Amino acid sequence: MKYLVGETPMEQGQRVIITFSDGKSVSAVYKDTYGYNHSFETETGSTVTLSNHFMRLKGIRVKPE
Protein backbone atom coordinates (compact mmCIF):
# COMPACT_ATOMS: atom_id res chain seq x y z
CA MET A 1 0.00 0.00 0.00
CA LYS A 2 1.28 3.48 -0.86
CA TYR A 3 1.18 6.41 1.56
CA LEU A 4 1.46 10.10 0.72
CA VAL A 5 4.68 11.26 2.38
CA GLY A 6 4.96 15.01 1.86
CA GLU A 7 3.93 15.27 -1.79
CA THR A 8 5.27 11.88 -2.90
CA PRO A 9 3.45 8.52 -2.74
CA MET A 10 5.77 5.91 -1.19
CA GLU A 11 5.80 2.22 -0.35
CA GLN A 12 7.28 0.64 2.75
CA GLY A 13 10.96 -0.25 2.36
CA GLN A 14 11.59 2.45 -0.25
CA ARG A 15 14.96 4.26 0.01
CA VAL A 16 14.63 8.04 0.35
CA ILE A 17 16.67 11.21 0.82
CA ILE A 18 15.40 13.53 3.57
CA THR A 19 16.51 17.13 2.95
CA PHE A 20 16.19 19.56 5.85
CA SER A 21 15.66 23.33 5.45
CA ASP A 22 19.33 24.04 6.33
CA GLY A 23 20.45 21.95 3.33
CA LYS A 24 21.57 18.84 5.23
CA SER A 25 20.53 15.53 3.68
CA VAL A 26 20.08 12.11 5.25
CA SER A 27 19.68 8.80 3.44
CA ALA A 28 16.96 6.63 4.99
CA VAL A 29 14.46 3.83 4.42
CA TYR A 30 10.74 4.55 4.69
CA LYS A 31 9.33 2.14 7.31
CA ASP A 32 5.65 2.88 7.95
CA THR A 33 2.93 5.43 8.62
CA TYR A 34 1.11 5.53 11.95
CA GLY A 35 -1.82 7.94 11.88
CA TYR A 36 -0.27 11.12 10.46
CA ASN A 37 3.35 10.27 11.33
CA HIS A 38 5.81 8.73 8.89
CA SER A 39 8.70 6.67 10.26
CA PHE A 40 12.12 6.41 8.59
CA GLU A 41 15.27 4.51 9.59
CA THR A 42 18.54 6.27 8.75
CA GLU A 43 21.83 4.65 7.73
CA THR A 44 23.10 5.06 11.30
CA GLY A 45 20.14 3.08 12.65
CA SER A 46 18.28 5.98 14.24
CA THR A 47 14.58 6.56 13.64
CA VAL A 48 13.20 9.81 12.22
CA THR A 49 9.47 10.46 12.59
CA LEU A 50 7.88 13.24 10.54
CA SER A 51 4.33 14.39 9.79
CA ASN A 52 3.25 16.07 6.53
CA HIS A 53 2.24 19.20 8.49
CA PHE A 54 5.64 19.47 10.22
CA MET A 55 7.49 18.90 6.93
CA ARG A 56 5.51 21.73 5.30
CA LEU A 57 6.12 24.09 8.24
CA LYS A 58 9.88 23.45 8.37
CA GLY A 59 10.59 23.06 4.64
CA ILE A 60 11.66 19.42 4.94
CA ARG A 61 11.51 17.41 1.71
CA VAL A 62 11.43 13.63 1.26
CA LYS A 63 12.30 12.30 -2.20
CA PRO A 64 12.91 8.78 -3.53
CA GLU A 65 16.58 7.89 -3.97
PDB file of N, CA and C in Angstrom:
ATOM      1  N   MET A   1       0.835  -1.173   0.000  1.00  0.00           N
ATOM      2  CA  MET A   1       0.000   0.000   0.000  1.00  0.00           C
ATOM      3  C   MET A   1       0.885   1.243   0.000  1.00  0.00           C
ATOM      4  N   LYS A   2       0.514   2.231  -0.790  1.00  0.00           N
ATOM      5  CA  LYS A   2       1.278   3.477  -0.861  1.00  0.00           C
ATOM      6  C   LYS A   2       0.683   4.515   0.080  1.00  0.00           C
ATOM      7  N   TYR A   3       1.575   5.314   0.677  1.00  0.00           N
ATOM      8  CA  TYR A   3       1.178   6.413   1.558  1.00  0.00           C
ATOM      9  C   TYR A   3       1.735   7.711   0.996  1.00  0.00           C
ATOM     10  N   LEU A   4       1.007   8.796   1.177  1.00  0.00           N
ATOM     11  CA  LEU A   4       1.457  10.103   0.724  1.00  0.00           C
ATOM     12  C   LEU A   4       2.382  10.689   1.781  1.00  0.00           C
ATOM     13  N   VAL A   5       3.667  10.725   1.471  1.00  0.00           N
ATOM     14  CA  VAL A   5       4.680  11.265   2.378  1.00  0.00           C
ATOM     15  C   VAL A   5       5.113  12.603   1.791  1.00  0.00           C
ATOM     16  N   GLY A   6       4.729  13.695   2.447  1.00  0.00           N
ATOM     17  CA  GLY A   6       4.956  15.014   1.858  1.00  0.00           C
ATOM     18  C   GLY A   6       4.075  15.135   0.634  1.00  0.00           C
ATOM     19  N   GLU A   7       4.688  15.195  -0.533  1.00  0.00           N
ATOM     20  CA  GLU A   7       3.927  15.269  -1.787  1.00  0.00           C
ATOM     21  C   GLU A   7       4.195  14.061  -2.678  1.00  0.00           C
ATOM     22  N   THR A   8       4.859  13.036  -2.120  1.00  0.00           N
ATOM     23  CA  THR A   8       5.269  11.879  -2.904  1.00  0.00           C
ATOM     24  C   THR A   8       4.654  10.598  -2.358  1.00  0.00           C
ATOM     25  N   PRO A   9       3.944   9.822  -3.202  1.00  0.00           N
ATOM     26  CA  PRO A   9       3.447   8.523  -2.741  1.00  0.00           C
ATOM     27  C   PRO A   9       4.615   7.540  -2.600  1.00  0.00           C
ATOM     28  N   MET A  10       4.664   6.832  -1.457  1.00  0.00           N
ATOM     29  CA  MET A  10       5.771   5.907  -1.193  1.00  0.00           C
ATOM     30  C   MET A  10       5.274   4.590  -0.640  1.00  0.00           C
ATOM     31  N   GLU A  11       6.079   3.550  -0.885  1.00  0.00           N
ATOM     32  CA  GLU A  11       5.801   2.223  -0.348  1.00  0.00           C
ATOM     33  C   GLU A  11       6.797   1.908   0.754  1.00  0.00           C
ATOM     34  N   GLN A  12       6.399   1.046   1.665  1.00  0.00           N
ATOM     35  CA  GLN A  12       7.285   0.639   2.753  1.00  0.00           C
ATOM     36  C   GLN A  12       8.545   0.001   2.186  1.00  0.00           C
ATOM     37  N   GLY A  13       9.684   0.304   2.799  1.00  0.00           N
ATOM     38  CA  GLY A  13      10.959  -0.248   2.361  1.00  0.00           C
ATOM     39  C   GLY A  13      11.653   0.564   1.285  1.00  0.00           C
ATOM     40  N   GLN A  14      11.012   1.615   0.807  1.00  0.00           N
ATOM     41  CA  GLN A  14      11.593   2.446  -0.246  1.00  0.00           C
ATOM     42  C   GLN A  14      12.714   3.320   0.322  1.00  0.00           C
ATOM     43  N   ARG A  15      13.833   3.416  -0.409  1.00  0.00           N
ATOM     44  CA  ARG A  15      14.962   4.258   0.010  1.00  0.00           C
ATOM     45  C   ARG A  15      14.664   5.701  -0.371  1.00  0.00           C
ATOM     46  N   VAL A  16      14.943   6.629   0.559  1.00  0.00           N
ATOM     47  CA  VAL A  16      14.635   8.043   0.351  1.00  0.00           C
ATOM     48  C   VAL A  16      15.804   8.924   0.788  1.00  0.00           C
ATOM     49  N   ILE A  17      15.759  10.172   0.354  1.00  0.00           N
ATOM     50  CA  ILE A  17      16.673  11.210   0.816  1.00  0.00           C
ATOM     51  C   ILE A  17      15.813  12.250   1.522  1.00  0.00           C
ATOM     52  N   ILE A  18      16.102  12.505   2.800  1.00  0.00           N
ATOM     53  CA  ILE A  18      15.399  13.529   3.569  1.00  0.00           C
ATOM     54  C   ILE A  18      16.286  14.768   3.553  1.00  0.00           C
ATOM     55  N   THR A  19      15.757  15.879   3.017  1.00  0.00           N
ATOM     56  CA  THR A  19      16.507  17.129   2.950  1.00  0.00           C
ATOM     57  C   THR A  19      15.873  18.133   3.898  1.00  0.00           C
ATOM     58  N   PHE A  20      16.666  18.600   4.858  1.00  0.00           N
ATOM     59  CA  PHE A  20      16.189  19.564   5.845  1.00  0.00           C
ATOM     60  C   PHE A  20      16.351  20.986   5.311  1.00  0.00           C
ATOM     61  N   SER A  21      15.673  21.947   5.932  1.00  0.00           N
ATOM     62  CA  SER A  21      15.665  23.328   5.448  1.00  0.00           C
ATOM     63  C   SER A  21      17.051  23.976   5.467  1.00  0.00           C
ATOM     64  N   ASP A  22      17.973  23.480   6.286  1.00  0.00           N
ATOM     65  CA  ASP A  22      19.328  24.043   6.326  1.00  0.00           C
ATOM     66  C   ASP A  22      20.242  23.437   5.260  1.00  0.00           C
ATOM     67  N   GLY A  23      19.693  22.540   4.420  1.00  0.00           N
ATOM     68  CA  GLY A  23      20.449  21.948   3.327  1.00  0.00           C
ATOM     69  C   GLY A  23      21.053  20.592   3.628  1.00  0.00           C
ATOM     70  N   LYS A  24      21.029  20.155   4.871  1.00  0.00           N
ATOM     71  CA  LYS A  24      21.573  18.843   5.228  1.00  0.00           C
ATOM     72  C   LYS A  24      20.665  17.747   4.680  1.00  0.00           C
ATOM     73  N   SER A  25      21.277  16.668   4.216  1.00  0.00           N
ATOM     74  CA  SER A  25      20.527  15.533   3.682  1.00  0.00           C
ATOM     75  C   SER A  25      20.882  14.266   4.440  1.00  0.00           C
ATOM     76  N   VAL A  26      19.897  13.386   4.566  1.00  0.00           N
ATOM     77  CA  VAL A  26      20.078  12.108   5.246  1.00  0.00           C
ATOM     78  C   VAL A  26      19.464  11.025   4.369  1.00  0.00           C
ATOM     79  N   SER A  27      20.201   9.949   4.158  1.00  0.00           N
ATOM     80  CA  SER A  27      19.679   8.797   3.435  1.00  0.00           C
ATOM     81  C   SER A  27      18.952   7.907   4.437  1.00  0.00           C
ATOM     82  N   ALA A  28      17.766   7.434   4.062  1.00  0.00           N
ATOM     83  CA  ALA A  28      16.964   6.634   4.988  1.00  0.00           C
ATOM     84  C   ALA A  28      16.091   5.649   4.216  1.00  0.00           C
ATOM     85  N   VAL A  29      15.428   4.781   4.976  1.00  0.00           N
ATOM     86  CA  VAL A  29      14.462   3.827   4.421  1.00  0.00           C
ATOM     87  C   VAL A  29      13.114   4.132   5.051  1.00  0.00           C
ATOM     88  N   TYR A  30      12.088   4.286   4.201  1.00  0.00           N
ATOM     89  CA  TYR A  30      10.735   4.548   4.692  1.00  0.00           C
ATOM     90  C   TYR A  30      10.196   3.266   5.314  1.00  0.00           C
ATOM     91  N   LYS A  31       9.798   3.330   6.589  1.00  0.00           N
ATOM     92  CA  LYS A  31       9.325   2.144   7.305  1.00  0.00           C
ATOM     93  C   LYS A  31       7.809   2.016   7.283  1.00  0.00           C
ATOM     94  N   ASP A  32       7.099   3.011   7.833  1.00  0.00           N
ATOM     95  CA  ASP A  32       5.646   2.879   7.952  1.00  0.00           C
ATOM     96  C   ASP A  32       5.019   4.223   8.297  1.00  0.00           C
ATOM     97  N   THR A  33       3.694   4.264   8.204  1.00  0.00           N
ATOM     98  CA  THR A  33       2.927   5.435   8.617  1.00  0.00           C
ATOM     99  C   THR A  33       1.978   5.012   9.722  1.00  0.00           C
ATOM    100  N   TYR A  34       2.005   5.753  10.816  1.00  0.00           N
ATOM    101  CA  TYR A  34       1.108   5.528  11.950  1.00  0.00           C
ATOM    102  C   TYR A  34       0.293   6.797  12.125  1.00  0.00           C
ATOM    103  N   GLY A  35      -0.992   6.732  11.814  1.00  0.00           N
ATOM    104  CA  GLY A  35      -1.817   7.939  11.883  1.00  0.00           C
ATOM    105  C   GLY A  35      -1.308   8.950  10.870  1.00  0.00           C
ATOM    106  N   TYR A  36      -0.810  10.086  11.348  1.00  0.00           N
ATOM    107  CA  TYR A  36      -0.274  11.123  10.463  1.00  0.00           C
ATOM    108  C   TYR A  36       1.250  11.172  10.484  1.00  0.00           C
ATOM    109  N   ASN A  37       1.890  10.247  11.180  1.00  0.00           N
ATOM    110  CA  ASN A  37       3.346  10.265  11.334  1.00  0.00           C
ATOM    111  C   ASN A  37       4.018   9.200  10.476  1.00  0.00           C
ATOM    112  N   HIS A  38       5.046   9.619   9.751  1.00  0.00           N
ATOM    113  CA  HIS A  38       5.812   8.728   8.889  1.00  0.00           C
ATOM    114  C   HIS A  38       7.130   8.398   9.578  1.00  0.00           C
ATOM    115  N   SER A  39       7.499   7.131   9.569  1.00  0.00           N
ATOM    116  CA  SER A  39       8.700   6.671  10.262  1.00  0.00           C
ATOM    117  C   SER A  39       9.758   6.252   9.240  1.00  0.00           C
ATOM    118  N   PHE A  40      10.991   6.726   9.452  1.00  0.00           N
ATOM    119  CA  PHE A  40      12.120   6.413   8.586  1.00  0.00           C
ATOM    120  C   PHE A  40      13.268   5.899   9.441  1.00  0.00           C
ATOM    121  N   GLU A  41      14.060   4.972   8.896  1.00  0.00           N
ATOM    122  CA  GLU A  41      15.267   4.509   9.587  1.00  0.00           C
ATOM    123  C   GLU A  41      16.472   4.984   8.783  1.00  0.00           C
ATOM    124  N   THR A  42      17.366   5.727   9.435  1.00  0.00           N
ATOM    125  CA  THR A  42      18.542   6.270   8.750  1.00  0.00           C
ATOM    126  C   THR A  42      19.639   5.217   8.643  1.00  0.00           C
ATOM    127  N   GLU A  43      20.694   5.565   7.902  1.00  0.00           N
ATOM    128  CA  GLU A  43      21.827   4.648   7.728  1.00  0.00           C
ATOM    129  C   GLU A  43      22.508   4.329   9.051  1.00  0.00           C
ATOM    130  N   THR A  44      22.448   5.261  10.004  1.00  0.00           N
ATOM    131  CA  THR A  44      23.097   5.059  11.304  1.00  0.00           C
ATOM    132  C   THR A  44      22.236   4.239  12.257  1.00  0.00           C
ATOM    133  N   GLY A  45      21.022   3.895  11.826  1.00  0.00           N
ATOM    134  CA  GLY A  45      20.145   3.075  12.647  1.00  0.00           C
ATOM    135  C   GLY A  45      19.160   3.859  13.494  1.00  0.00           C
ATOM    136  N   SER A  46      19.230   5.185  13.455  1.00  0.00           N
ATOM    137  CA  SER A  46      18.280   5.981  14.239  1.00  0.00           C
ATOM    138  C   SER A  46      16.959   6.130  13.480  1.00  0.00           C
ATOM    139  N   THR A  47      15.912   6.417  14.220  1.00  0.00           N
ATOM    140  CA  THR A  47      14.581   6.564  13.638  1.00  0.00           C
ATOM    141  C   THR A  47      14.203   8.037  13.572  1.00  0.00           C
ATOM    142  N   VAL A  48      13.700   8.453  12.411  1.00  0.00           N
ATOM    143  CA  VAL A  48      13.201   9.815  12.219  1.00  0.00           C
ATOM    144  C   VAL A  48      11.707   9.703  11.981  1.00  0.00           C
ATOM    145  N   THR A  49      10.918  10.450  12.748  1.00  0.00           N
ATOM    146  CA  THR A  49       9.467  10.455  12.587  1.00  0.00           C
ATOM    147  C   THR A  49       9.031  11.857  12.188  1.00  0.00           C
ATOM    148  N   LEU A  50       8.316  11.952  11.067  1.00  0.00           N
ATOM    149  CA  LEU A  50       7.878  13.242  10.543  1.00  0.00           C
ATOM    150  C   LEU A  50       6.408  13.178  10.153  1.00  0.00           C
ATOM    151  N   SER A  51       5.706  14.289  10.291  1.00  0.00           N
ATOM    152  CA  SER A  51       4.334  14.389   9.787  1.00  0.00           C
ATOM    153  C   SER A  51       4.339  15.322   8.579  1.00  0.00           C
ATOM    154  N   ASN A  52       3.344  15.202   7.700  1.00  0.00           N
ATOM    155  CA  ASN A  52       3.254  16.072   6.531  1.00  0.00           C
ATOM    156  C   ASN A  52       3.177  17.535   6.957  1.00  0.00           C
ATOM    157  N   HIS A  53       2.406  17.828   8.005  1.00  0.00           N
ATOM    158  CA  HIS A  53       2.241  19.202   8.487  1.00  0.00           C
ATOM    159  C   HIS A  53       3.588  19.777   8.947  1.00  0.00           C
ATOM    160  N   PHE A  54       4.336  19.021   9.729  1.00  0.00           N
ATOM    161  CA  PHE A  54       5.639  19.472  10.225  1.00  0.00           C
ATOM    162  C   PHE A  54       6.616  19.679   9.064  1.00  0.00           C
ATOM    163  N   MET A  55       6.594  18.763   8.080  1.00  0.00           N
ATOM    164  CA  MET A  55       7.490  18.897   6.931  1.00  0.00           C
ATOM    165  C   MET A  55       7.185  20.180   6.164  1.00  0.00           C
ATOM    166  N   ARG A  56       5.894  20.490   5.978  1.00  0.00           N
ATOM    167  CA  ARG A  56       5.506  21.726   5.296  1.00  0.00           C
ATOM    168  C   ARG A  56       5.960  22.959   6.078  1.00  0.00           C
ATOM    169  N   LEU A  57       5.746  22.946   7.394  1.00  0.00           N
ATOM    170  CA  LEU A  57       6.123  24.085   8.240  1.00  0.00           C
ATOM    171  C   LEU A  57       7.624  24.357   8.213  1.00  0.00           C
ATOM    172  N   LYS A  58       8.424  23.314   8.248  1.00  0.00           N
ATOM    173  CA  LYS A  58       9.879  23.449   8.373  1.00  0.00           C
ATOM    174  C   LYS A  58      10.631  23.354   7.046  1.00  0.00           C
ATOM    175  N   GLY A  59       9.926  23.142   5.941  1.00  0.00           N
ATOM    176  CA  GLY A  59      10.588  23.064   4.641  1.00  0.00           C
ATOM    177  C   GLY A  59      11.393  21.798   4.437  1.00  0.00           C
ATOM    178  N   ILE A  60      10.970  20.710   5.062  1.00  0.00           N
ATOM    179  CA  ILE A  60      11.658  19.418   4.938  1.00  0.00           C
ATOM    180  C   ILE A  60      11.076  18.677   3.739  1.00  0.00           C
ATOM    181  N   ARG A  61      11.963  18.144   2.892  1.00  0.00           N
ATOM    182  CA  ARG A  61      11.508  17.406   1.715  1.00  0.00           C
ATOM    183  C   ARG A  61      11.974  15.957   1.770  1.00  0.00           C
ATOM    184  N   VAL A  62      11.103  15.056   1.330  1.00  0.00           N
ATOM    185  CA  VAL A  62      11.434  13.626   1.257  1.00  0.00           C
ATOM    186  C   VAL A  62      11.253  13.206  -0.195  1.00  0.00           C
ATOM    187  N   LYS A  63      12.332  12.719  -0.797  1.00  0.00           N
ATOM    188  CA  LYS A  63      12.301  12.304  -2.199  1.00  0.00           C
ATOM    189  C   LYS A  63      12.851  10.889  -2.328  1.00  0.00           C
ATOM    190  N   PRO A  64      12.348  10.121  -3.295  1.00  0.00           N
ATOM    191  CA  PRO A  64      12.912   8.781  -3.531  1.00  0.00           C
ATOM    192  C   PRO A  64      14.371   8.890  -3.964  1.00  0.00           C
ATOM    193  N   GLU A  65      15.152   7.898  -3.615  1.00  0.00           N
ATOM    194  CA  GLU A  65      16.581   7.891  -3.968  1.00  0.00           C
ATOM    195  C   GLU A  65      16.766   7.591  -5.428  1.00  0.00           C
TER     196      GLU A  65
END
